[in-house]
C-alpha atoms as a PDB file:
ATOM      1  CA  MET A   1      53.188  47.877  83.386  1.00  0.00           C
ATOM      2  CA  ARG A   2      52.305  51.050  81.513  1.00  0.00           C
ATOM      3  CA  ARG A   3      53.440  53.214  84.418  1.00  0.00           C
ATOM      4  CA  ALA A   4      56.738  51.316  84.756  1.00  0.00           C
ATOM      5  CA  ALA A   5      57.437  51.612  81.041  1.00  0.00           C
ATOM      6  CA  ASP A   6      56.592  55.320  81.035  1.00  0.00           C
ATOM      7  CA  ASN A   7      58.845  55.984  84.038  1.00  0.00           C
ATOM      8  CA  ALA A   8      61.670  54.103  82.353  1.00  0.00           C
ATOM      9  CA  LEU A   9      61.161  55.844  78.988  1.00  0.00           C
ATOM     10  CA  ARG A  10      61.218  59.291  80.553  1.00  0.00           C
ATOM     11  CA  GLY A  11      63.741  58.528  83.280  1.00  0.00           C
ATOM     12  CA  GLN A  12      67.269  57.222  83.453  1.00  0.00           C
ATOM     13  CA  GLN A  13      66.505  53.904  81.747  1.00  0.00           C
ATOM     14  CA  PRO A  14      64.968  54.737  78.343  1.00  0.00           C
ATOM     15  CA  ALA A  15      66.401  51.605  76.714  1.00  0.00           C
ATOM     16  CA  ALA A  16      64.741  49.436  79.358  1.00  0.00           C
ATOM     17  CA  GLY A  17      61.461  51.274  78.760  1.00  0.00           C
ATOM     18  CA  MET A  18      61.735  50.719  75.015  1.00  0.00           C
ATOM     19  CA  ALA A  19      62.416  47.009  75.573  1.00  0.00           C
ATOM     20  CA  LEU A  20      59.460  46.691  77.943  1.00  0.00           C
ATOM     21  CA  MET A  21      57.139  48.462  75.517  1.00  0.00           C
ATOM     22  CA  ALA A  22      58.367  46.284  72.642  1.00  0.00           C
ATOM     23  CA  ARG A  23      57.554  43.143  74.656  1.00  0.00           C
ATOM     24  CA  GLU A  24      54.178  44.369  75.880  1.00  0.00           C
ATOM     25  CA  GLU A  25      52.945  46.300  72.832  1.00  0.00           C
ATOM     26  CA  ALA A  26      50.576  43.564  71.634  1.00  0.00           C
ATOM     27  CA  ASN A  27      49.078  43.209  75.120  1.00  0.00           C
ATOM     28  CA  LEU A  28      48.570  46.962  75.404  1.00  0.00           C
ATOM     29  CA  ARG A  29      46.874  47.108  72.010  1.00  0.00           C
ATOM     30  CA  ALA A  30      44.558  44.229  72.961  1.00  0.00           C
ATOM     31  CA  ALA A  31      43.726  45.914  76.269  1.00  0.00           C
ATOM     32  CA  MET A  32      42.999  49.198  74.474  1.00  0.00           C
ATOM     33  CA  SER A  33      40.687  47.497  72.024  1.00  0.00           C
ATOM     34  CA  CYS A  34      38.772  45.668  74.770  1.00  0.00           C
ATOM     35  CA  ALA A  35      38.504  48.770  76.939  1.00  0.00           C
ATOM     36  CA  PHE A  36      37.169  50.922  74.118  1.00  0.00           C
ATOM     37  CA  ALA A  37      34.670  48.177  73.287  1.00  0.00           C
ATOM     38  CA  ARG A  38      33.460  48.324  76.920  1.00  0.00           C
ATOM     39  CA  GLY A  39      33.233  52.110  76.798  1.00  0.00           C
ATOM     40  CA  GLU A  40      36.200  52.724  79.119  1.00  0.00           C
ATOM     41  CA  ARG A  41      37.640  55.507  76.998  1.00  0.00           C
ATOM     42  CA  GLN A  42      39.185  57.526  79.799  1.00  0.00           C
ATOM     43  CA  THR A  43      41.012  54.544  81.260  1.00  0.00           C
ATOM     44  CA  ARG A  44      42.625  53.430  78.038  1.00  0.00           C
ATOM     45  CA  LEU A  45      43.401  56.838  76.606  1.00  0.00           C
ATOM     46  CA  ALA A  46      46.497  56.861  78.827  1.00  0.00           C
ATOM     47  CA  ASP A  47      47.610  53.529  77.325  1.00  0.00           C
ATOM     48  CA  CYS A  48      47.138  54.988  73.858  1.00  0.00           C
ATOM     49  CA  ARG A  49      49.190  58.031  74.728  1.00  0.00           C
ATOM     50  CA  HIS A  50      52.063  55.937  76.099  1.00  0.00           C
ATOM     51  CA  THR A  51      51.990  53.631  73.099  1.00  0.00           C
ATOM     52  CA  ASP A  52      51.929  56.695  70.859  1.00  0.00           C
ATOM     53  CA  ASP A  53      55.008  58.079  72.643  1.00  0.00           C
ATOM     54  CA  TYR A  54      56.779  54.735  72.325  1.00  0.00           C
ATOM     55  CA  LEU A  55      56.041  54.515  68.593  1.00  0.00           C
ATOM     56  CA  GLN A  56      57.310  58.080  68.149  1.00  0.00           C
ATOM     57  CA  MET A  57      60.535  57.287  70.029  1.00  0.00           C
ATOM     58  CA  ALA A  58      60.980  54.083  68.030  1.00  0.00           C
ATOM     59  CA  GLY A  59      60.655  56.009  64.767  1.00  0.00           C
ATOM     60  CA  ARG A  60      57.501  54.097  63.808  1.00  0.00           C
ATOM     61  CA  LEU A  61      55.627  57.192  62.711  1.00  0.00           C
ATOM     62  CA  ARG A  62      53.183  55.524  60.325  1.00  0.00           C
ATOM     63  CA  GLU A  63      52.111  53.163  63.081  1.00  0.00           C
ATOM     64  CA  ARG A  64      51.779  56.117  65.473  1.00  0.00           C
ATOM     65  CA  ASP A  65      49.610  57.925  62.940  1.00  0.00           C
ATOM     66  CA  ALA A  66      47.458  54.819  62.436  1.00  0.00           C
ATOM     67  CA  LEU A  67      47.024  54.403  66.203  1.00  0.00           C
ATOM     68  CA  THR A  68      46.024  58.055  66.572  1.00  0.00           C
ATOM     69  CA  ALA A  69      43.469  57.709  63.766  1.00  0.00           C
ATOM     70  CA  TRP A  70      42.112  54.493  65.311  1.00  0.00           C
ATOM     71  CA  VAL A  71      41.683  56.158  68.712  1.00  0.00           C
ATOM     72  CA  ARG A  72      39.879  59.080  67.058  1.00  0.00           C
ATOM     73  CA  GLU A  73      37.512  56.610  65.381  1.00  0.00           C
ATOM     74  CA  GLN A  74      36.651  55.144  68.786  1.00  0.00           C
ATOM     75  CA  MET A  75      35.129  58.456  69.845  1.00  0.00           C
ATOM     76  CA  PRO A  76      31.519  59.124  68.823  1.00  0.00           C
ATOM     77  CA  ALA A  77      31.450  61.778  66.100  1.00  0.00           C
ATOM     78  CA  GLY A  78      28.589  63.890  67.416  1.00  0.00           C
ATOM     79  CA  GLY A  79      28.638  62.776  71.031  1.00  0.00           C
ATOM     80  CA  LYS A  80      29.241  64.878  74.094  1.00  0.00           C
ATOM     81  CA  LEU A  81      32.790  66.031  74.605  1.00  0.00           C
ATOM     82  CA  ASP A  82      34.771  64.626  77.489  1.00  0.00           C
ATOM     83  CA  VAL A  83      38.472  64.770  78.305  1.00  0.00           C
ATOM     84  CA  ALA A  84      39.201  61.621  76.282  1.00  0.00           C
ATOM     85  CA  ALA A  85      37.370  62.889  73.192  1.00  0.00           C
ATOM     86  CA  CYS A  86      39.154  66.252  73.370  1.00  0.00           C
ATOM     87  CA  ALA A  87      42.561  64.578  73.659  1.00  0.00           C
ATOM     88  CA  ALA A  88      41.788  62.212  70.782  1.00  0.00           C
ATOM     89  CA  ILE A  89      40.735  65.098  68.539  1.00  0.00           C
ATOM     90  CA  ARG A  90      43.848  67.126  69.415  1.00  0.00           C
ATOM     91  CA  ASP A  91      46.168  64.139  68.902  1.00  0.00           C
ATOM     92  CA  HIS A  92      44.571  63.328  65.556  1.00  0.00           C
ATOM     93  CA  ALA A  93      44.827  66.965  64.464  1.00  0.00           C
ATOM     94  CA  TRP A  94      48.523  66.975  65.356  1.00  0.00           C
ATOM     95  CA  THR A  95      49.018  63.799  63.317  1.00  0.00           C
ATOM     96  CA  LEU A  96      47.292  65.440  60.358  1.00  0.00           C
ATOM     97  CA  PHE A  97      49.523  68.477  60.758  1.00  0.00           C
ATOM     98  CA  THR A  98      52.710  66.399  60.791  1.00  0.00           C
ATOM     99  CA  GLN A  99      51.512  64.605  57.651  1.00  0.00           C
ATOM    100  CA  GLY A 100      51.202  67.922  55.795  1.00  0.00           C
ATOM    101  CA  HIS A 101      47.441  68.405  56.166  1.00  0.00           C
ATOM    102  CA  ALA A 102      47.691  71.667  58.100  1.00  0.00           C
ATOM    103  CA  ASP A 103      44.379  73.134  56.903  1.00  0.00           C
ATOM    104  CA  GLU A 104      42.424  70.061  57.976  1.00  0.00           C
ATOM    105  CA  ALA A 105      44.257  69.944  61.311  1.00  0.00           C
ATOM    106  CA  ILE A 106      43.552  73.594  62.043  1.00  0.00           C
ATOM    107  CA  ASP A 107      39.882  73.132  61.105  1.00  0.00           C
ATOM    108  CA  GLN A 108      39.566  70.227  63.556  1.00  0.00           C
ATOM    109  CA  VAL A 109      41.195  72.195  66.373  1.00  0.00           C
ATOM    110  CA  GLN A 110      39.130  75.327  65.720  1.00  0.00           C
ATOM    111  CA  ASN A 111      35.965  73.221  65.599  1.00  0.00           C
ATOM    112  CA  LEU A 112      36.894  71.659  68.947  1.00  0.00           C
ATOM    113  CA  ILE A 113      37.420  75.098  70.493  1.00  0.00           C
ATOM    114  CA  ALA A 114      34.046  76.280  69.185  1.00  0.00           C
ATOM    115  CA  ARG A 115      32.315  73.173  70.534  1.00  0.00           C
ATOM    116  CA  LEU A 116      33.983  73.497  73.935  1.00  0.00           C
ATOM    117  CA  GLU A 117      32.996  77.148  74.173  1.00  0.00           C
ATOM    118  CA  SER A 118      29.394  76.520  73.141  1.00  0.00           C
ATOM    119  CA  GLU A 119      28.676  73.045  74.573  1.00  0.00           C
ATOM    120  CA  GLY A 120      31.204  72.673  77.354  1.00  0.00           C
ATOM    121  CA  LEU A 121      32.187  69.238  78.608  1.00  0.00           C
ATOM    122  CA  ALA A 122      29.957  66.290  79.352  1.00  0.00           C
ATOM    123  CA  GLU A 123      28.481  66.112  82.828  1.00  0.00           C
ATOM    124  CA  GLY A 124      28.973  69.848  83.354  1.00  0.00           C
ATOM    125  CA  ASP A 125      32.736  69.698  83.944  1.00  0.00           C
ATOM    126  CA  ASP A 126      34.644  72.954  83.509  1.00  0.00           C
ATOM    127  CA  PRO A 127      36.069  73.098  79.946  1.00  0.00           C
ATOM    128  CA  THR A 128      38.675  75.802  80.705  1.00  0.00           C
ATOM    129  CA  PHE A 129      41.689  73.478  80.750  1.00  0.00           C
ATOM    130  CA  GLN A 130      40.548  71.680  77.589  1.00  0.00           C
ATOM    131  CA  ILE A 131      40.095  75.006  75.814  1.00  0.00           C
ATOM    132  CA  ALA A 132      43.591  76.100  76.870  1.00  0.00           C
ATOM    133  CA  ALA A 133      45.132  72.784  75.782  1.00  0.00           C
ATOM    134  CA  THR A 134      43.368  73.077  72.434  1.00  0.00           C
ATOM    135  CA  TYR A 135      44.616  76.638  71.918  1.00  0.00           C
ATOM    136  CA  TYR A 136      48.105  75.323  72.689  1.00  0.00           C
ATOM    137  CA  THR A 137      47.691  72.709  69.958  1.00  0.00           C
ATOM    138  CA  LEU A 138      46.434  75.385  67.577  1.00  0.00           C
ATOM    139  CA  GLY A 139      49.459  77.552  68.371  1.00  0.00           C
ATOM    140  CA  ASN A 140      51.809  74.679  67.585  1.00  0.00           C
ATOM    141  CA  SER A 141      50.088  73.863  64.280  1.00  0.00           C
END
């Protein structure tokens, strides 16, 4: 469902994608909550991103900001960094920036870069792409 809605939102049928997301939003939120509770962060991060995009397109910015903050809270504060944690930190920093908290947003992004450079990613994965994506976020802030 998420893939179909995303294809519609970004394709030739954005109204159909918006309608599908409106109908399925509660189910997606429930699935996200259950998946995070089971520790399936990577799997549900994509659902969060699509819901975030939908809320942005629908002009529901406060709800988007609340979802981004909730996702960030699902990530362990001092735990190892993985792709999901990096994305959640960047998304939350962007939300802070759009709310007028630029200094806090920049601090979060710079802290993420420092951690990636010193700790790397969990399970020894190469952090190069995450570092580049984080610098991109910093450049846009």
